[in-house]
Amino acid sequence: MKAKSFAALMGIALLGYATSAGAFVIQAQLTGDIRLDNPDNLIVDVTITVNETTETALWVIDINSTAHPGIKLDEFYFNLGGSANDYTFTAFNPIDWAVNTPASVQGAGGTTFIFETLDPSGPPDASDVTNSQNLSFTMTYNGDLTASLFLTAPSATSNDAGSGQLGAHLQSLTTTGNCGSSTNCSDSGFAFGNYESKTTPTEIPEPMSLALLGMGLVGIGLARRRRSG
């Protein structure tokens, strides 16, 4: 094989490899509360960025309930496929939050979830998660962390508050203007959501892939230089 042909083929092969390392992003939006005596206008956005090479996922829970200026997250709940023992959770922000399993669900009318994220009782007290303070953490899976573990996770169903693969119990809510015709409105509520609301596959090159990408470009460049010489 001629040198220029070999260089061109090598460059193309390396380019193909370089873009194969990927990730995917799953987004969901939790909304609520549908009950008459619980405030509505609850919005919680969740973004999960999964690294398929390291089998890790970065979770970001972002409360965007502007109708409730004093809102606080009590607990965040979620379900996943596979065994609960294959998941570990680290790098919480704010620090001192934690994930427990099985969940002890509060404020959702008798439903169950596999995992709960919360500020454990007793000191040290973790910072509140609010409209201006997100909650984030890293999840590691002992296996192949695929999109199906999220999208086919079981749905939790309450007696009266709704259903979903994710849930959030929210406190310090504003009752005025958020309770319809209720005359006995609570200052807490529950929001539900599903992973499949927004799912966006994407390609995020890893450092090694970026290096290979550079090598591929060099190979193609050499082939073109020799062809034009």
C-alpha atoms as a PDB file:
ATOM      1  CA  MET A   1       0.000   0.000   0.000  1.00  0.00           C
ATOM      2  CA  LYS A   2       1.339   3.449  -0.874  1.00  0.00           C
ATOM      3  CA  ALA A   3       2.306   5.706   2.037  1.00  0.00           C
ATOM      4  CA  LYS A   4      -0.222   8.395   1.169  1.00  0.00           C
ATOM      5  CA  SER A   5      -3.066   5.853   0.943  1.00  0.00           C
ATOM      6  CA  PHE A   6      -2.079   4.314   4.269  1.00  0.00           C
ATOM      7  CA  ALA A   7      -1.946   7.734   5.934  1.00  0.00           C
ATOM      8  CA  ALA A   8      -5.372   8.658   4.601  1.00  0.00           C
ATOM      9  CA  LEU A   9      -6.953   5.399   5.723  1.00  0.00           C
ATOM     10  CA  MET A  10      -5.322   5.669   9.148  1.00  0.00           C
ATOM     11  CA  GLY A  11      -6.621   9.215   9.531  1.00  0.00           C
ATOM     12  CA  ILE A  12     -10.183   8.195   8.647  1.00  0.00           C
ATOM     13  CA  ALA A  13     -10.068   5.196  10.999  1.00  0.00           C
ATOM     14  CA  LEU A  14      -8.824   7.309  13.879  1.00  0.00           C
ATOM     15  CA  LEU A  15     -11.466   9.957  13.255  1.00  0.00           C
ATOM     16  CA  GLY A  16     -14.154   7.290  13.414  1.00  0.00           C
ATOM     17  CA  TYR A  17     -12.767   5.975  16.706  1.00  0.00           C
ATOM     18  CA  ALA A  18     -12.401   9.434  18.160  1.00  0.00           C
ATOM     19  CA  THR A  19     -16.098  10.227  17.833  1.00  0.00           C
ATOM     20  CA  SER A  20     -17.256   6.844  19.168  1.00  0.00           C
ATOM     21  CA  ALA A  21     -16.623   7.662  22.827  1.00  0.00           C
ATOM     22  CA  GLY A  22     -19.886   9.200  23.980  1.00  0.00           C
ATOM     23  CA  ALA A  23     -22.294  10.235  26.629  1.00  0.00           C
ATOM     24  CA  PHE A  24     -25.977  10.920  26.818  1.00  0.00           C
ATOM     25  CA  VAL A  25     -28.081  13.453  28.639  1.00  0.00           C
ATOM     26  CA  ILE A  26     -31.477  12.725  30.149  1.00  0.00           C
ATOM     27  CA  GLN A  27     -33.723  15.547  31.257  1.00  0.00           C
ATOM     28  CA  ALA A  28     -36.996  15.537  33.146  1.00  0.00           C
ATOM     29  CA  GLN A  29     -39.345  18.102  34.609  1.00  0.00           C
ATOM     30  CA  LEU A  30     -41.321  17.464  37.785  1.00  0.00           C
ATOM     31  CA  THR A  31     -44.579  19.365  38.269  1.00  0.00           C
ATOM     32  CA  GLY A  32     -47.393  19.477  40.827  1.00  0.00           C
ATOM     33  CA  ASP A  33     -49.275  19.455  43.118  1.00  0.00           C
ATOM     34  CA  ILE A  34     -52.575  18.219  41.639  1.00  0.00           C
ATOM     35  CA  ARG A  35     -54.381  17.987  45.012  1.00  0.00           C
ATOM     36  CA  LEU A  36     -56.923  20.673  45.895  1.00  0.00           C
ATOM     37  CA  ASP A  37     -55.404  21.507  49.281  1.00  0.00           C
ATOM     38  CA  ASN A  38     -51.775  21.585  48.138  1.00  0.00           C
ATOM     39  CA  PRO A  39     -50.159  24.461  46.231  1.00  0.00           C
ATOM     40  CA  ASP A  40     -49.587  24.118  42.505  1.00  0.00           C
ATOM     41  CA  ASN A  41     -47.008  25.865  40.280  1.00  0.00           C
ATOM     42  CA  LEU A  42     -44.265  23.500  41.463  1.00  0.00           C
ATOM     43  CA  ILE A  43     -41.476  23.054  38.899  1.00  0.00           C
ATOM     44  CA  VAL A  44     -38.296  21.027  39.357  1.00  0.00           C
ATOM     45  CA  ASP A  45     -35.918  20.455  36.418  1.00  0.00           C
ATOM     46  CA  VAL A  46     -33.571  17.462  36.459  1.00  0.00           C
ATOM     47  CA  THR A  47     -30.554  16.987  34.173  1.00  0.00           C
ATOM     48  CA  ILE A  48     -28.527  13.769  34.216  1.00  0.00           C
ATOM     49  CA  THR A  49     -25.299  13.646  32.213  1.00  0.00           C
ATOM     50  CA  VAL A  50     -24.081  10.069  31.784  1.00  0.00           C
ATOM     51  CA  ASN A  51     -20.481   9.159  30.954  1.00  0.00           C
ATOM     52  CA  GLU A  52     -20.568   5.746  29.300  1.00  0.00           C
ATOM     53  CA  THR A  53     -16.826   5.243  29.666  1.00  0.00           C
ATOM     54  CA  THR A  54     -16.684   5.612  33.453  1.00  0.00           C
ATOM     55  CA  GLU A  55     -20.273   4.378  34.095  1.00  0.00           C
ATOM     56  CA  THR A  56     -20.992   7.551  36.083  1.00  0.00           C
ATOM     57  CA  ALA A  57     -23.760  10.130  35.937  1.00  0.00           C
ATOM     58  CA  LEU A  58     -23.874  13.709  37.168  1.00  0.00           C
ATOM     59  CA  TRP A  59     -27.303  14.619  38.541  1.00  0.00           C
ATOM     60  CA  VAL A  60     -28.425  18.251  38.833  1.00  0.00           C
ATOM     61  CA  ILE A  61     -31.750  19.023  40.525  1.00  0.00           C
ATOM     62  CA  ASP A  62     -32.797  22.597  39.778  1.00  0.00           C
ATOM     63  CA  ILE A  63     -35.895  24.073  41.463  1.00  0.00           C
ATOM     64  CA  ASN A  64     -37.547  26.669  39.222  1.00  0.00           C
ATOM     65  CA  SER A  65     -40.720  27.417  41.161  1.00  0.00           C
ATOM     66  CA  THR A  66     -40.743  31.214  40.934  1.00  0.00           C
ATOM     67  CA  ALA A  67     -44.296  31.397  42.342  1.00  0.00           C
ATOM     68  CA  HIS A  68     -42.809  30.138  45.633  1.00  0.00           C
ATOM     69  CA  PRO A  69     -39.909  32.450  46.631  1.00  0.00           C
ATOM     70  CA  GLY A  70     -39.241  30.624  49.915  1.00  0.00           C
ATOM     71  CA  ILE A  71     -39.424  27.077  48.541  1.00  0.00           C
ATOM     72  CA  LYS A  72     -37.159  24.380  50.011  1.00  0.00           C
ATOM     73  CA  LEU A  73     -36.522  20.797  48.920  1.00  0.00           C
ATOM     74  CA  ASP A  74     -37.368  18.323  51.658  1.00  0.00           C
ATOM     75  CA  GLU A  75     -36.587  15.120  49.766  1.00  0.00           C
ATOM     76  CA  PHE A  76     -35.946  14.151  46.142  1.00  0.00           C
ATOM     77  CA  TYR A  77     -36.998  10.653  45.042  1.00  0.00           C
ATOM     78  CA  PHE A  78     -36.190   8.520  42.013  1.00  0.00           C
ATOM     79  CA  ASN A  79     -36.402   5.013  40.607  1.00  0.00           C
ATOM     80  CA  LEU A  80     -33.835   3.201  38.453  1.00  0.00           C
ATOM     81  CA  GLY A  81     -33.630  -0.176  36.769  1.00  0.00           C
ATOM     82  CA  GLY A  82     -31.324  -2.928  37.985  1.00  0.00           C
ATOM     83  CA  SER A  83     -30.339  -3.666  41.566  1.00  0.00           C
ATOM     84  CA  ALA A  84     -30.210  -0.801  44.064  1.00  0.00           C
ATOM     85  CA  ASN A  85     -26.994  -2.313  45.454  1.00  0.00           C
ATOM     86  CA  ASP A  86     -25.188  -1.629  42.161  1.00  0.00           C
ATOM     87  CA  TYR A  87     -25.474   2.161  42.583  1.00  0.00           C
ATOM     88  CA  THR A  88     -23.288   4.395  44.748  1.00  0.00           C
ATOM     89  CA  PHE A  89     -23.596   8.162  45.265  1.00  0.00           C
ATOM     90  CA  THR A  90     -20.871  10.695  46.059  1.00  0.00           C
ATOM     91  CA  ALA A  91     -19.784  14.338  45.650  1.00  0.00           C
ATOM     92  CA  PHE A  92     -22.937  15.971  46.997  1.00  0.00           C
ATOM     93  CA  ASN A  93     -23.425  19.707  46.646  1.00  0.00           C
ATOM     94  CA  PRO A  94     -24.524  21.040  49.082  1.00  0.00           C
ATOM     95  CA  ILE A  95     -22.379  18.740  51.173  1.00  0.00           C
ATOM     96  CA  ASP A  96     -23.973  16.528  53.835  1.00  0.00           C
ATOM     97  CA  TRP A  97     -26.911  15.570  51.622  1.00  0.00           C
ATOM     98  CA  ALA A  98     -27.166  11.809  51.030  1.00  0.00           C
ATOM     99  CA  VAL A  99     -29.043   9.098  49.103  1.00  0.00           C
ATOM    100  CA  ASN A 100     -30.813   6.343  51.020  1.00  0.00           C
ATOM    101  CA  THR A 101     -32.542   3.189  49.824  1.00  0.00           C
ATOM    102  CA  PRO A 102     -35.282   2.114  50.196  1.00  0.00           C
ATOM    103  CA  ALA A 103     -36.975   5.498  50.381  1.00  0.00           C
ATOM    104  CA  SER A 104     -39.306   6.596  53.150  1.00  0.00           C
ATOM    105  CA  VAL A 105     -41.608   8.845  51.144  1.00  0.00           C
ATOM    106  CA  GLN A 106     -43.096  11.964  52.722  1.00  0.00           C
ATOM    107  CA  GLY A 107     -46.089  13.972  51.538  1.00  0.00           C
ATOM    108  CA  ALA A 108     -47.063  11.937  48.472  1.00  0.00           C
ATOM    109  CA  GLY A 109     -50.123  10.018  49.601  1.00  0.00           C
ATOM    110  CA  GLY A 110     -48.834   6.508  50.160  1.00  0.00           C
ATOM    111  CA  THR A 111     -46.419   5.865  47.309  1.00  0.00           C
ATOM    112  CA  THR A 112     -43.011   4.168  47.294  1.00  0.00           C
ATOM    113  CA  PHE A 113     -39.673   4.969  45.629  1.00  0.00           C
ATOM    114  CA  ILE A 114     -36.377   3.081  45.513  1.00  0.00           C
ATOM    115  CA  PHE A 115     -34.078   6.021  46.295  1.00  0.00           C
ATOM    116  CA  GLU A 116     -34.431   9.188  48.366  1.00  0.00           C
ATOM    117  CA  THR A 117     -32.048  12.147  48.440  1.00  0.00           C
ATOM    118  CA  LEU A 118     -32.239  14.147  51.655  1.00  0.00           C
ATOM    119  CA  ASP A 119     -30.503  16.065  54.402  1.00  0.00           C
ATOM    120  CA  PRO A 120     -30.280  13.328  57.064  1.00  0.00           C
ATOM    121  CA  SER A 121     -31.696  14.166  60.480  1.00  0.00           C
ATOM    122  CA  GLY A 122     -29.333  15.472  63.111  1.00  0.00           C
ATOM    123  CA  PRO A 123     -26.144  17.508  62.786  1.00  0.00           C
ATOM    124  CA  PRO A 124     -24.455  18.629  60.658  1.00  0.00           C
ATOM    125  CA  ASP A 125     -27.317  20.436  58.957  1.00  0.00           C
ATOM    126  CA  ALA A 126     -26.853  20.673  55.193  1.00  0.00           C
ATOM    127  CA  SER A 127     -27.575  23.859  53.277  1.00  0.00           C
ATOM    128  CA  ASP A 128     -31.083  24.180  51.841  1.00  0.00           C
ATOM    129  CA  VAL A 129     -31.847  23.412  48.205  1.00  0.00           C
ATOM    130  CA  THR A 130     -33.932  26.311  46.876  1.00  0.00           C
ATOM    131  CA  ASN A 131     -34.749  28.268  43.716  1.00  0.00           C
ATOM    132  CA  SER A 132     -31.221  29.694  43.861  1.00  0.00           C
ATOM    133  CA  GLN A 133     -29.311  26.631  45.161  1.00  0.00           C
ATOM    134  CA  ASN A 134     -29.244  23.464  43.050  1.00  0.00           C
ATOM    135  CA  LEU A 135     -28.617  19.969  44.365  1.00  0.00           C
ATOM    136  CA  SER A 136     -26.032  17.881  42.525  1.00  0.00           C
ATOM    137  CA  PHE A 137     -24.312  14.548  43.047  1.00  0.00           C
ATOM    138  CA  THR A 138     -22.405  11.859  41.155  1.00  0.00           C
ATOM    139  CA  MET A 139     -23.840   8.373  40.678  1.00  0.00           C
ATOM    140  CA  THR A 140     -21.661   5.364  39.822  1.00  0.00           C
ATOM    141  CA  TYR A 141     -23.111   2.123  38.461  1.00  0.00           C
ATOM    142  CA  ASN A 142     -21.518  -1.307  38.806  1.00  0.00           C
ATOM    143  CA  GLY A 143     -22.278  -2.392  35.262  1.00  0.00           C
ATOM    144  CA  ASP A 144     -23.262  -0.937  31.899  1.00  0.00           C
ATOM    145  CA  LEU A 145     -24.974   2.393  32.583  1.00  0.00           C
ATOM    146  CA  THR A 146     -27.405   2.563  29.677  1.00  0.00           C
ATOM    147  CA  ALA A 147     -30.369   4.836  28.980  1.00  0.00           C
ATOM    148  CA  SER A 148     -32.765   1.936  29.535  1.00  0.00           C
ATOM    149  CA  LEU A 149     -31.938   1.888  33.260  1.00  0.00           C
ATOM    150  CA  PHE A 150     -33.601   5.291  33.427  1.00  0.00           C
ATOM    151  CA  LEU A 151     -36.319   5.084  30.795  1.00  0.00           C
ATOM    152  CA  THR A 152     -37.694   1.683  31.877  1.00  0.00           C
ATOM    153  CA  ALA A 153     -37.492   2.403  35.624  1.00  0.00           C
ATOM    154  CA  PRO A 154     -40.722   1.639  37.501  1.00  0.00           C
ATOM    155  CA  SER A 155     -43.235   4.414  38.033  1.00  0.00           C
ATOM    156  CA  ALA A 156     -44.374   5.262  41.560  1.00  0.00           C
ATOM    157  CA  THR A 157     -48.089   5.945  42.035  1.00  0.00           C
ATOM    158  CA  SER A 158     -49.654   7.760  44.986  1.00  0.00           C
ATOM    159  CA  ASN A 159     -53.214   7.548  46.250  1.00  0.00           C
ATOM    160  CA  ASP A 160     -54.062  11.096  45.146  1.00  0.00           C
ATOM    161  CA  ALA A 161     -50.950  13.114  44.188  1.00  0.00           C
ATOM    162  CA  GLY A 162     -50.093  11.558  40.813  1.00  0.00           C
ATOM    163  CA  SER A 163     -47.366   9.240  39.544  1.00  0.00           C
ATOM    164  CA  GLY A 164     -43.908   9.271  38.009  1.00  0.00           C
ATOM    165  CA  GLN A 165     -40.407   7.840  37.978  1.00  0.00           C
ATOM    166  CA  LEU A 166     -39.153  10.833  39.981  1.00  0.00           C
ATOM    167  CA  GLY A 167     -40.679  12.859  42.797  1.00  0.00           C
ATOM    168  CA  ALA A 168     -39.951  15.780  45.082  1.00  0.00           C
ATOM    169  CA  HIS A 169     -41.457  16.805  48.412  1.00  0.00           C
ATOM    170  CA  LEU A 170     -41.286  20.593  48.670  1.00  0.00           C
ATOM    171  CA  GLN A 171     -41.822  22.833  51.686  1.00  0.00           C
ATOM    172  CA  SER A 172     -42.215  26.520  52.652  1.00  0.00           C
ATOM    173  CA  LEU A 173     -44.583  27.084  49.744  1.00  0.00           C
ATOM    174  CA  THR A 174     -46.601  30.241  49.061  1.00  0.00           C
ATOM    175  CA  THR A 175     -50.304  29.474  49.453  1.00  0.00           C
ATOM    176  CA  THR A 176     -51.681  32.774  48.177  1.00  0.00           C
ATOM    177  CA  GLY A 177     -52.400  32.495  44.476  1.00  0.00           C
ATOM    178  CA  ASN A 178     -51.296  28.861  44.290  1.00  0.00           C
ATOM    179  CA  CYS A 179     -54.200  26.962  45.826  1.00  0.00           C
ATOM    180  CA  GLY A 180     -57.175  27.670  43.608  1.00  0.00           C
ATOM    181  CA  SER A 181     -60.409  27.638  45.587  1.00  0.00           C
ATOM    182  CA  SER A 182     -58.986  25.777  48.591  1.00  0.00           C
ATOM    183  CA  THR A 183     -59.723  27.285  52.010  1.00  0.00           C
ATOM    184  CA  ASN A 184     -57.399  24.892  53.867  1.00  0.00           C
ATOM    185  CA  CYS A 185     -54.216  24.969  51.797  1.00  0.00           C
ATOM    186  CA  SER A 186     -51.006  23.337  53.036  1.00  0.00           C
ATOM    187  CA  ASP A 187     -47.594  24.982  52.753  1.00  0.00           C
ATOM    188  CA  SER A 188     -46.039  21.805  51.318  1.00  0.00           C
ATOM    189  CA  GLY A 189     -46.578  19.854  48.122  1.00  0.00           C
ATOM    190  CA  PHE A 190     -45.353  17.035  45.918  1.00  0.00           C
ATOM    191  CA  ALA A 191     -44.183  17.056  42.290  1.00  0.00           C
ATOM    192  CA  PHE A 192     -43.865  14.068  39.939  1.00  0.00           C
ATOM    193  CA  GLY A 193     -42.014  13.593  36.657  1.00  0.00           C
ATOM    194  CA  ASN A 194     -40.641  11.046  34.180  1.00  0.00           C
ATOM    195  CA  TYR A 195     -37.264  10.549  32.539  1.00  0.00           C
ATOM    196  CA  GLU A 196     -38.690  10.265  29.070  1.00  0.00           C
ATOM    197  CA  SER A 197     -39.944  13.853  28.979  1.00  0.00           C
ATOM    198  CA  LYS A 198     -36.683  14.867  27.253  1.00  0.00           C
ATOM    199  CA  THR A 199     -33.909  12.491  26.208  1.00  0.00           C
ATOM    200  CA  THR A 200     -31.027  13.763  24.080  1.00  0.00           C
ATOM    201  CA  PRO A 201     -28.263  11.398  22.900  1.00  0.00           C
ATOM    202  CA  THR A 202     -25.007  13.233  22.293  1.00  0.00           C
ATOM    203  CA  GLU A 203     -21.348  12.563  21.645  1.00  0.00           C
ATOM    204  CA  ILE A 204     -18.840  13.945  24.133  1.00  0.00           C
ATOM    205  CA  PRO A 205     -15.243  12.985  23.195  1.00  0.00           C
ATOM    206  CA  GLU A 206     -13.025  11.777  26.020  1.00  0.00           C
ATOM    207  CA  PRO A 207      -9.411  13.093  26.375  1.00  0.00           C
ATOM    208  CA  MET A 208      -8.020  10.006  24.626  1.00  0.00           C
ATOM    209  CA  SER A 209     -10.553  10.439  21.857  1.00  0.00           C
ATOM    210  CA  LEU A 210      -9.505  14.056  21.411  1.00  0.00           C
ATOM    211  CA  ALA A 211      -5.871  12.922  21.065  1.00  0.00           C
ATOM    212  CA  LEU A 212      -6.863  10.341  18.477  1.00  0.00           C
ATOM    213  CA  LEU A 213      -8.891  12.973  16.682  1.00  0.00           C
ATOM    214  CA  GLY A 214      -5.759  15.099  16.373  1.00  0.00           C
ATOM    215  CA  MET A 215      -3.797  12.125  15.051  1.00  0.00           C
ATOM    216  CA  GLY A 216      -6.521  11.480  12.512  1.00  0.00           C
ATOM    217  CA  LEU A 217      -6.414  15.035  11.269  1.00  0.00           C
ATOM    218  CA  VAL A 218      -2.619  14.844  10.972  1.00  0.00           C
ATOM    219  CA  GLY A 219      -2.895  11.630   8.953  1.00  0.00           C
ATOM    220  CA  ILE A 220      -5.372  13.172   6.545  1.00  0.00           C
ATOM    221  CA  GLY A 221      -3.217  16.299   6.277  1.00  0.00           C
ATOM    222  CA  LEU A 222      -0.124  14.273   5.371  1.00  0.00           C
ATOM    223  CA  ALA A 223      -2.011  12.367   2.720  1.00  0.00           C
ATOM    224  CA  ARG A 224      -3.272  15.561   1.126  1.00  0.00           C
ATOM    225  CA  ARG A 225       0.217  17.172   1.234  1.00  0.00           C
ATOM    226  CA  ARG A 226       1.795  14.184  -0.496  1.00  0.00           C
ATOM    227  CA  ARG A 227      -0.991  14.111  -3.082  1.00  0.00           C
ATOM    228  CA  SER A 228      -0.470  17.773  -3.947  1.00  0.00           C
ATOM    229  CA  GLY A 229       3.380  17.492  -3.989  1.00  0.00           C
END
